[in-house]
Structure formats: structure tokens, C-alpha cells
Amino acid sequence: MITFRQHIEISRNATEADGLLNYIQQLSPEEKVNVTRDIASVYPLDMSWNDSYEIHKAFKIHTDPMELVLGQFIMIEQIITGKTNFETDAHNDLALAELLLRPKHHSTFDNEDPSTELKNKNSILDSNVSEVYSVISAFLKRREIILFKQFAGVFYETPDEEDENEESENAPSNESLFTQQWYWYSIVRMLAKEDITRYDDIYMLKMSTVMPEMSFLAQKNKIESANQRQQQALRKL
């Protein structure tokens, strides 16, 4: 078995010339044999789902975005979309796993206790790497369906070719940078009706509540924008 902790070291060393060989050479004779054998059997990683995996007994598993609370979902999206920087891709995946593999005793999402978070992180690091990635893979597949099919256009618009060409030719405007920086905050602010005292409650709303509301608002805004454009066109006649 390769643990996620070992996977991070293997991934880091694999990017350097002779790095993986040097990593194995520093191990004890028994570890050299075991790690070499395990690397050959584990990679490429098998990310397929299996209900009998030990990881299901050790953690509260989240593979459906609709089961998350908004704050948890936002942190995950910031990782996936590259808004946070990590040393390696493996560290990026570890951060994602920390939000999807939660302490078994937690009934709701809570990452306020540093000692609990450290314990949870170490438990993930000591888990079978393939089992960890089976959870990440299942989540990403479900996320793809929900964000880009079931609720397409709610959070992420699909730009047309003309928009993409304009973005590639021109540097992002201050307005565009502002929108990107404050995107998720503006959503929380809107759902809270700009009442800052309600923000904590909004962050704890289930995505099964947030998604339909955001879908309704997105469709409503499109209709209102279309009506405004029509009225402007009529006034020019």
C-alpha cells in the first residue's frame, strides 16, 4: 500500500532528475523492497469507487456537491479553479481531500478547531492513496454534472468564441479583476441581502438550498436583462 503521505514524497521526487531513485535509495533495505514493489503495483492510480474501502469507515465522505454547505463548497471551488497556490499537485489534492473527507463524528461542516483539522489531515495522509483519490474522482465527476449540466450557467458561464478572443487580446479590466476577486463574497452578500450579520448563516446553507435559489436568480436576471435590451431598442426607433 502507498499512503497519501508517501504519494506526496513520490510525486515531489518524480519531477526531479533521478529524484525518485534518490528517494528510494535513502530508505532502509526493507523499505526499498516494499516501496519499489508498491510503486509498481499502485501506479498509475486506480481511482475506481469501492464501497468496501477502509476509508469509508474512517471518514464522513462527501462526493455530492449538493450535500456540502456553501462555505465548504466555496473553499473547494477556490482549490479546483486555482485561486489558491500549493507546492505540488499532490498538495493541491490533499487540500481538496481535507474538505471531502471529514471527521466521522461531525454532523455538520466545522473546520474551526485546529487540533481536529490536524488530526483529520494526518488520518488522510496515512490512508491508502488510491482510496483517497477514489473519493476525489467521484466528487469531481458529480461536480461536473451538477455545475455544467444540471445547473449550467449558474456559477460558471461558458464564453462564446468572440468573448474568448476579446479576453486573449485585451488585458483584464479593473472591473473584471474586481469581479473575479470578490465573486464568491458577492454571492454570499446577495443571498444575505447585504446584511453582514447573516453571513455566517449563509455560509452554512446547504448547496441543495443554494443551487435552486441561484438558478432562479440567474434565470430571472437573464429575463430582466433581455427585457431591458428590448426596451432600449424600442426607444431608439
C-alpha atoms as a PDB file:
ATOM      1  CA  MET A   1       0.000   0.000   0.000  1.00  0.00           C
ATOM      2  CA  ILE A   2       1.112   3.545  -0.753  1.00  0.00           C
ATOM      3  CA  THR A   3      -0.189   6.122   1.706  1.00  0.00           C
ATOM      4  CA  PHE A   4      -1.049   9.651   0.664  1.00  0.00           C
ATOM      5  CA  ARG A   5       1.951  10.800   2.705  1.00  0.00           C
ATOM      6  CA  GLN A   6       4.228   8.598   0.603  1.00  0.00           C
ATOM      7  CA  HIS A   7       2.435   9.710  -2.553  1.00  0.00           C
ATOM      8  CA  ILE A   8       3.360  13.331  -1.838  1.00  0.00           C
ATOM      9  CA  GLU A   9       7.030  12.406  -1.485  1.00  0.00           C
ATOM     10  CA  ILE A  10       6.942  10.192  -4.560  1.00  0.00           C
ATOM     11  CA  SER A  11       5.231  12.920  -6.615  1.00  0.00           C
ATOM     12  CA  ARG A  12       7.689  15.578  -5.461  1.00  0.00           C
ATOM     13  CA  ASN A  13      10.731  13.448  -6.259  1.00  0.00           C
ATOM     14  CA  ALA A  14       9.342  12.175  -9.559  1.00  0.00           C
ATOM     15  CA  THR A  15       9.540  15.695 -11.018  1.00  0.00           C
ATOM     16  CA  GLU A  16      13.316  15.880 -10.485  1.00  0.00           C
ATOM     17  CA  ALA A  17      16.068  14.127 -12.413  1.00  0.00           C
ATOM     18  CA  ASP A  18      16.913  10.905 -10.552  1.00  0.00           C
ATOM     19  CA  GLY A  19      14.715  12.222  -7.756  1.00  0.00           C
ATOM     20  CA  LEU A  20      12.654   9.057  -7.377  1.00  0.00           C
ATOM     21  CA  LEU A  21      15.771   6.899  -7.396  1.00  0.00           C
ATOM     22  CA  ASN A  22      17.377   9.085  -4.727  1.00  0.00           C
ATOM     23  CA  TYR A  23      14.194   8.912  -2.646  1.00  0.00           C
ATOM     24  CA  ILE A  24      14.213   5.111  -2.729  1.00  0.00           C
ATOM     25  CA  GLN A  25      17.955   4.943  -2.033  1.00  0.00           C
ATOM     26  CA  GLN A  26      17.568   6.779   1.276  1.00  0.00           C
ATOM     27  CA  LEU A  27      15.106   4.175   2.590  1.00  0.00           C
ATOM     28  CA  SER A  28      16.054   1.180   4.694  1.00  0.00           C
ATOM     29  CA  PRO A  29      16.683  -2.084   2.782  1.00  0.00           C
ATOM     30  CA  GLU A  30      13.282  -3.475   3.770  1.00  0.00           C
ATOM     31  CA  GLU A  31      11.512  -0.231   2.852  1.00  0.00           C
ATOM     32  CA  LYS A  32      13.297  -0.136  -0.517  1.00  0.00           C
ATOM     33  CA  VAL A  33      11.848  -3.503  -1.437  1.00  0.00           C
ATOM     34  CA  ASN A  34       8.352  -2.679  -0.200  1.00  0.00           C
ATOM     35  CA  VAL A  35       8.153   0.810  -1.721  1.00  0.00           C
ATOM     36  CA  THR A  36       9.565  -0.323  -5.083  1.00  0.00           C
ATOM     37  CA  ARG A  37       7.050  -3.170  -5.205  1.00  0.00           C
ATOM     38  CA  ASP A  38       4.182  -0.927  -4.105  1.00  0.00           C
ATOM     39  CA  ILE A  39       5.016   1.790  -6.648  1.00  0.00           C
ATOM     40  CA  ALA A  40       4.919  -0.789  -9.430  1.00  0.00           C
ATOM     41  CA  SER A  41       1.538  -2.126  -8.275  1.00  0.00           C
ATOM     42  CA  VAL A  42      -0.168   1.168  -7.303  1.00  0.00           C
ATOM     43  CA  TYR A  43       0.760   3.460 -10.210  1.00  0.00           C
ATOM     44  CA  PRO A  44      -0.982   4.519 -12.357  1.00  0.00           C
ATOM     45  CA  LEU A  45      -3.536   5.072  -9.607  1.00  0.00           C
ATOM     46  CA  ASP A  46      -6.796   3.139  -9.649  1.00  0.00           C
ATOM     47  CA  MET A  47      -9.417   5.755  -8.719  1.00  0.00           C
ATOM     48  CA  SER A  48     -12.426   3.472  -9.072  1.00  0.00           C
ATOM     49  CA  TRP A  49     -15.074   3.507  -6.345  1.00  0.00           C
ATOM     50  CA  ASN A  50     -15.436   0.618  -3.910  1.00  0.00           C
ATOM     51  CA  ASP A  51     -17.898   0.650  -1.001  1.00  0.00           C
ATOM     52  CA  SER A  52     -15.743  -1.804   0.926  1.00  0.00           C
ATOM     53  CA  TYR A  53     -12.734   0.527   1.132  1.00  0.00           C
ATOM     54  CA  GLU A  54     -11.486   1.167   4.659  1.00  0.00           C
ATOM     55  CA  ILE A  55     -11.658   4.908   4.039  1.00  0.00           C
ATOM     56  CA  HIS A  56     -15.463   4.780   4.255  1.00  0.00           C
ATOM     57  CA  LYS A  57     -15.190   3.512   7.816  1.00  0.00           C
ATOM     58  CA  ALA A  58     -12.664   6.157   8.868  1.00  0.00           C
ATOM     59  CA  PHE A  59     -14.247   9.331   7.468  1.00  0.00           C
ATOM     60  CA  LYS A  60     -17.509  11.039   6.663  1.00  0.00           C
ATOM     61  CA  ILE A  61     -17.306  11.007   2.872  1.00  0.00           C
ATOM     62  CA  HIS A  62     -18.627  13.796   0.620  1.00  0.00           C
ATOM     63  CA  THR A  63     -18.964  13.074  -3.094  1.00  0.00           C
ATOM     64  CA  ASP A  64     -22.085  15.118  -3.855  1.00  0.00           C
ATOM     65  CA  PRO A  65     -21.691  18.921  -4.031  1.00  0.00           C
ATOM     66  CA  MET A  66     -25.346  19.289  -3.073  1.00  0.00           C
ATOM     67  CA  GLU A  67     -24.581  17.805   0.362  1.00  0.00           C
ATOM     68  CA  LEU A  68     -21.955  20.442   1.136  1.00  0.00           C
ATOM     69  CA  VAL A  69     -22.531  23.730   2.900  1.00  0.00           C
ATOM     70  CA  LEU A  70     -21.808  26.871   0.887  1.00  0.00           C
ATOM     71  CA  GLY A  71     -18.617  27.789   2.763  1.00  0.00           C
ATOM     72  CA  GLN A  72     -17.217  24.298   2.220  1.00  0.00           C
ATOM     73  CA  PHE A  73     -18.202  24.414  -1.460  1.00  0.00           C
ATOM     74  CA  ILE A  74     -16.522  27.798  -1.943  1.00  0.00           C
ATOM     75  CA  MET A  75     -13.231  26.559  -0.464  1.00  0.00           C
ATOM     76  CA  ILE A  76     -13.335  23.539  -2.767  1.00  0.00           C
ATOM     77  CA  GLU A  77     -14.030  25.689  -5.824  1.00  0.00           C
ATOM     78  CA  GLN A  78     -11.143  28.015  -4.976  1.00  0.00           C
ATOM     79  CA  ILE A  79      -8.821  24.999  -4.923  1.00  0.00           C
ATOM     80  CA  ILE A  80     -10.173  23.492  -8.149  1.00  0.00           C
ATOM     81  CA  THR A  81     -10.066  26.795 -10.065  1.00  0.00           C
ATOM     82  CA  GLY A  82      -6.523  27.603  -8.943  1.00  0.00           C
ATOM     83  CA  LYS A  83      -7.338  30.518  -6.641  1.00  0.00           C
ATOM     84  CA  THR A  84      -5.002  29.032  -4.011  1.00  0.00           C
ATOM     85  CA  ASN A  85      -1.365  28.063  -4.597  1.00  0.00           C
ATOM     86  CA  PHE A  86       0.223  24.802  -3.483  1.00  0.00           C
ATOM     87  CA  GLU A  87       3.717  23.365  -3.641  1.00  0.00           C
ATOM     88  CA  THR A  88       2.691  20.425  -5.858  1.00  0.00           C
ATOM     89  CA  ASP A  89      -0.417  18.936  -7.447  1.00  0.00           C
ATOM     90  CA  ALA A  90      -0.406  16.329  -4.683  1.00  0.00           C
ATOM     91  CA  HIS A  91      -0.608  19.069  -2.035  1.00  0.00           C
ATOM     92  CA  ASN A  92      -3.465  20.611  -4.016  1.00  0.00           C
ATOM     93  CA  ASP A  93      -5.268  17.256  -3.937  1.00  0.00           C
ATOM     94  CA  LEU A  94      -4.581  16.886  -0.220  1.00  0.00           C
ATOM     95  CA  ALA A  95      -6.275  20.236   0.453  1.00  0.00           C
ATOM     96  CA  LEU A  96      -9.241  19.044  -1.581  1.00  0.00           C
ATOM     97  CA  ALA A  97      -9.325  15.741   0.302  1.00  0.00           C
ATOM     98  CA  GLU A  98      -9.352  17.577   3.640  1.00  0.00           C
ATOM     99  CA  LEU A  99     -12.672  19.156   2.650  1.00  0.00           C
ATOM    100  CA  LEU A 100     -14.215  15.958   1.257  1.00  0.00           C
ATOM    101  CA  LEU A 101     -13.030  13.526   3.937  1.00  0.00           C
ATOM    102  CA  ARG A 102     -14.333  14.849   7.213  1.00  0.00           C
ATOM    103  CA  PRO A 103     -14.251  13.575  10.805  1.00  0.00           C
ATOM    104  CA  LYS A 104     -16.762  10.780  11.271  1.00  0.00           C
ATOM    105  CA  HIS A 105     -18.361  12.416  14.312  1.00  0.00           C
ATOM    106  CA  HIS A 106     -19.143  15.730  12.559  1.00  0.00           C
ATOM    107  CA  SER A 107     -22.847  16.115  11.805  1.00  0.00           C
ATOM    108  CA  THR A 108     -22.256  19.464  10.054  1.00  0.00           C
ATOM    109  CA  PHE A 109     -19.169  21.019   8.487  1.00  0.00           C
ATOM    110  CA  ASP A 110     -16.883  22.645  11.055  1.00  0.00           C
ATOM    111  CA  ASN A 111     -13.207  23.449  10.441  1.00  0.00           C
ATOM    112  CA  GLU A 112     -12.737  25.885  13.323  1.00  0.00           C
ATOM    113  CA  ASP A 113     -10.754  23.581  15.631  1.00  0.00           C
ATOM    114  CA  PRO A 114      -7.068  23.419  14.523  1.00  0.00           C
ATOM    115  CA  SER A 115      -6.343  20.251  16.520  1.00  0.00           C
ATOM    116  CA  THR A 116      -9.265  18.409  14.916  1.00  0.00           C
ATOM    117  CA  GLU A 117      -8.183  19.596  11.468  1.00  0.00           C
ATOM    118  CA  LEU A 118      -4.590  18.458  12.041  1.00  0.00           C
ATOM    119  CA  LYS A 119      -5.771  15.049  13.215  1.00  0.00           C
ATOM    120  CA  ASN A 120      -8.044  14.753  10.193  1.00  0.00           C
ATOM    121  CA  LYS A 121      -5.201  15.757   7.851  1.00  0.00           C
ATOM    122  CA  ASN A 122      -2.832  13.176   9.333  1.00  0.00           C
ATOM    123  CA  SER A 123      -5.504  10.498   9.032  1.00  0.00           C
ATOM    124  CA  ILE A 124      -5.819  11.307   5.327  1.00  0.00           C
ATOM    125  CA  LEU A 125      -2.030  11.284   4.900  1.00  0.00           C
ATOM    126  CA  ASP A 126      -1.902   7.805   6.434  1.00  0.00           C
ATOM    127  CA  SER A 127      -4.723   6.497   4.243  1.00  0.00           C
ATOM    128  CA  ASN A 128      -4.389   4.432   1.079  1.00  0.00           C
ATOM    129  CA  VAL A 129      -3.697   6.897  -1.748  1.00  0.00           C
ATOM    130  CA  SER A 130      -5.944   5.061  -4.215  1.00  0.00           C
ATOM    131  CA  GLU A 131      -8.839   5.161  -1.774  1.00  0.00           C
ATOM    132  CA  VAL A 132      -8.382   8.908  -1.216  1.00  0.00           C
ATOM    133  CA  TYR A 133      -8.372   9.542  -4.955  1.00  0.00           C
ATOM    134  CA  SER A 134     -11.460   7.368  -5.427  1.00  0.00           C
ATOM    135  CA  VAL A 135     -13.342   9.918  -3.301  1.00  0.00           C
ATOM    136  CA  ILE A 136     -11.844  12.922  -5.116  1.00  0.00           C
ATOM    137  CA  SER A 137     -12.602  11.362  -8.505  1.00  0.00           C
ATOM    138  CA  ALA A 138     -16.212  10.543  -7.554  1.00  0.00           C
ATOM    139  CA  PHE A 139     -16.725  14.104  -6.329  1.00  0.00           C
ATOM    140  CA  LEU A 140     -15.267  15.691  -9.470  1.00  0.00           C
ATOM    141  CA  LYS A 141     -17.494  13.569 -11.722  1.00  0.00           C
ATOM    142  CA  ARG A 142     -20.592  14.540  -9.749  1.00  0.00           C
ATOM    143  CA  ARG A 143     -19.482  18.201  -9.691  1.00  0.00           C
ATOM    144  CA  GLU A 144     -19.156  18.188 -13.485  1.00  0.00           C
ATOM    145  CA  ILE A 145     -22.756  17.014 -13.884  1.00  0.00           C
ATOM    146  CA  ILE A 146     -24.213  19.463 -11.360  1.00  0.00           C
ATOM    147  CA  LEU A 147     -22.288  22.611 -12.333  1.00  0.00           C
ATOM    148  CA  PHE A 148     -22.157  22.190 -16.093  1.00  0.00           C
ATOM    149  CA  LYS A 149     -25.285  20.193 -16.925  1.00  0.00           C
ATOM    150  CA  GLN A 150     -27.933  20.239 -14.198  1.00  0.00           C
ATOM    151  CA  PHE A 151     -27.238  23.865 -13.180  1.00  0.00           C
ATOM    152  CA  ALA A 152     -25.293  25.038 -16.221  1.00  0.00           C
ATOM    153  CA  GLY A 153     -24.532  28.754 -16.235  1.00  0.00           C
ATOM    154  CA  VAL A 154     -25.426  29.349 -12.589  1.00  0.00           C
ATOM    155  CA  PHE A 155     -21.874  29.831 -11.312  1.00  0.00           C
ATOM    156  CA  TYR A 156     -19.734  29.461 -14.419  1.00  0.00           C
ATOM    157  CA  GLU A 157     -20.739  30.937 -17.752  1.00  0.00           C
ATOM    158  CA  THR A 158     -19.463  29.331 -20.935  1.00  0.00           C
ATOM    159  CA  PRO A 159     -17.989  32.165 -23.002  1.00  0.00           C
ATOM    160  CA  ASP A 160     -18.502  32.161 -26.763  1.00  0.00           C
ATOM    161  CA  GLU A 161     -15.593  32.379 -29.208  1.00  0.00           C
ATOM    162  CA  GLU A 162     -15.912  36.155 -29.599  1.00  0.00           C
ATOM    163  CA  ASP A 163     -15.660  36.662 -25.827  1.00  0.00           C
ATOM    164  CA  GLU A 164     -12.633  34.356 -25.638  1.00  0.00           C
ATOM    165  CA  ASN A 165     -10.865  36.251 -28.446  1.00  0.00           C
ATOM    166  CA  GLU A 166     -11.509  39.586 -26.736  1.00  0.00           C
ATOM    167  CA  GLU A 167     -10.104  38.270 -23.452  1.00  0.00           C
ATOM    168  CA  SER A 168      -6.988  36.910 -25.149  1.00  0.00           C
ATOM    169  CA  GLU A 169      -6.335  40.209 -26.974  1.00  0.00           C
ATOM    170  CA  ASN A 170      -7.003  42.560 -24.077  1.00  0.00           C
ATOM    171  CA  ALA A 171      -5.685  42.631 -20.522  1.00  0.00           C
ATOM    172  CA  PRO A 172      -8.359  42.100 -17.844  1.00  0.00           C
ATOM    173  CA  SER A 173     -10.016  45.351 -16.847  1.00  0.00           C
ATOM    174  CA  ASN A 174     -10.137  46.596 -13.264  1.00  0.00           C
ATOM    175  CA  GLU A 175     -13.831  45.726 -13.237  1.00  0.00           C
ATOM    176  CA  SER A 176     -13.086  42.184 -14.393  1.00  0.00           C
ATOM    177  CA  LEU A 177     -10.363  41.736 -11.765  1.00  0.00           C
ATOM    178  CA  PHE A 178     -12.677  43.085  -9.078  1.00  0.00           C
ATOM    179  CA  THR A 179     -15.427  40.664 -10.103  1.00  0.00           C
ATOM    180  CA  GLN A 180     -13.034  37.713 -10.022  1.00  0.00           C
ATOM    181  CA  GLN A 181     -11.588  38.655  -6.650  1.00  0.00           C
ATOM    182  CA  TRP A 182     -14.930  39.187  -4.949  1.00  0.00           C
ATOM    183  CA  TYR A 183     -17.045  36.688  -6.883  1.00  0.00           C
ATOM    184  CA  TRP A 184     -17.949  34.316  -4.052  1.00  0.00           C
ATOM    185  CA  TYR A 185     -18.202  37.083  -1.480  1.00  0.00           C
ATOM    186  CA  SER A 186     -20.670  38.912  -3.704  1.00  0.00           C
ATOM    187  CA  ILE A 187     -22.819  35.783  -3.885  1.00  0.00           C
ATOM    188  CA  VAL A 188     -22.880  35.473  -0.089  1.00  0.00           C
ATOM    189  CA  ARG A 189     -23.632  39.208   0.148  1.00  0.00           C
ATOM    190  CA  MET A 190     -26.518  38.870  -2.289  1.00  0.00           C
ATOM    191  CA  LEU A 191     -28.024  35.826  -0.541  1.00  0.00           C
ATOM    192  CA  ALA A 192     -27.766  37.662   2.784  1.00  0.00           C
ATOM    193  CA  LYS A 193     -29.474  40.702   1.202  1.00  0.00           C
ATOM    194  CA  GLU A 194     -26.364  42.714   2.190  1.00  0.00           C
ATOM    195  CA  ASP A 195     -26.979  42.034   5.879  1.00  0.00           C
ATOM    196  CA  ILE A 196     -23.483  41.312   7.208  1.00  0.00           C
ATOM    197  CA  THR A 197     -24.901  39.819  10.407  1.00  0.00           C
ATOM    198  CA  ARG A 198     -26.338  36.954   8.334  1.00  0.00           C
ATOM    199  CA  TYR A 199     -23.136  35.993   6.506  1.00  0.00           C
ATOM    200  CA  ASP A 200     -22.198  33.155   8.868  1.00  0.00           C
ATOM    201  CA  ASP A 201     -25.641  31.624   8.433  1.00  0.00           C
ATOM    202  CA  ILE A 202     -25.382  31.918   4.644  1.00  0.00           C
ATOM    203  CA  TYR A 203     -22.024  30.138   4.614  1.00  0.00           C
ATOM    204  CA  MET A 204     -23.680  27.230   6.434  1.00  0.00           C
ATOM    205  CA  LEU A 205     -26.568  26.859   3.977  1.00  0.00           C
ATOM    206  CA  LYS A 206     -26.684  23.501   2.211  1.00  0.00           C
ATOM    207  CA  MET A 207     -25.932  23.620  -1.509  1.00  0.00           C
ATOM    208  CA  SER A 208     -29.217  21.772  -2.074  1.00  0.00           C
ATOM    209  CA  THR A 209     -30.820  25.045  -0.942  1.00  0.00           C
ATOM    210  CA  VAL A 210     -28.353  27.449  -2.564  1.00  0.00           C
ATOM    211  CA  MET A 211     -28.277  25.868  -6.045  1.00  0.00           C
ATOM    212  CA  PRO A 212     -32.011  26.171  -6.863  1.00  0.00           C
ATOM    213  CA  GLU A 213     -32.059  29.738  -5.492  1.00  0.00           C
ATOM    214  CA  MET A 214     -29.023  30.743  -7.550  1.00  0.00           C
ATOM    215  CA  SER A 215     -30.521  29.065 -10.632  1.00  0.00           C
ATOM    216  CA  PHE A 216     -33.751  31.021 -10.145  1.00  0.00           C
ATOM    217  CA  LEU A 217     -31.874  34.309  -9.725  1.00  0.00           C
ATOM    218  CA  ALA A 218     -29.669  33.639 -12.765  1.00  0.00           C
ATOM    219  CA  GLN A 219     -32.677  32.936 -14.999  1.00  0.00           C
ATOM    220  CA  LYS A 220     -34.550  35.935 -13.571  1.00  0.00           C
ATOM    221  CA  ASN A 221     -31.579  38.224 -14.289  1.00  0.00           C
ATOM    222  CA  LYS A 222     -31.350  36.967 -17.884  1.00  0.00           C
ATOM    223  CA  ILE A 223     -35.039  37.667 -18.489  1.00  0.00           C
ATOM    224  CA  GLU A 224     -34.774  41.131 -16.943  1.00  0.00           C
ATOM    225  CA  SER A 225     -31.641  41.928 -18.980  1.00  0.00           C
ATOM    226  CA  ALA A 226     -33.352  40.786 -22.191  1.00  0.00           C
ATOM    227  CA  ASN A 227     -36.356  42.969 -21.404  1.00  0.00           C
ATOM    228  CA  GLN A 228     -34.112  45.964 -20.731  1.00  0.00           C
ATOM    229  CA  ARG A 229     -32.313  45.489 -24.052  1.00  0.00           C
ATOM    230  CA  GLN A 230     -35.650  45.221 -25.834  1.00  0.00           C
ATOM    231  CA  GLN A 231     -36.905  48.426 -24.203  1.00  0.00           C
ATOM    232  CA  GLN A 232     -33.678  50.246 -25.148  1.00  0.00           C
ATOM    233  CA  ALA A 233     -34.013  49.057 -28.741  1.00  0.00           C
ATOM    234  CA  LEU A 234     -37.635  50.248 -28.901  1.00  0.00           C
ATOM    235  CA  ARG A 235     -36.685  53.680 -27.568  1.00  0.00           C
ATOM    236  CA  LYS A 236     -34.203  54.093 -30.431  1.00  0.00           C
ATOM    237  CA  LEU A 237     -36.927  53.582 -33.067  1.00  0.00           C
END
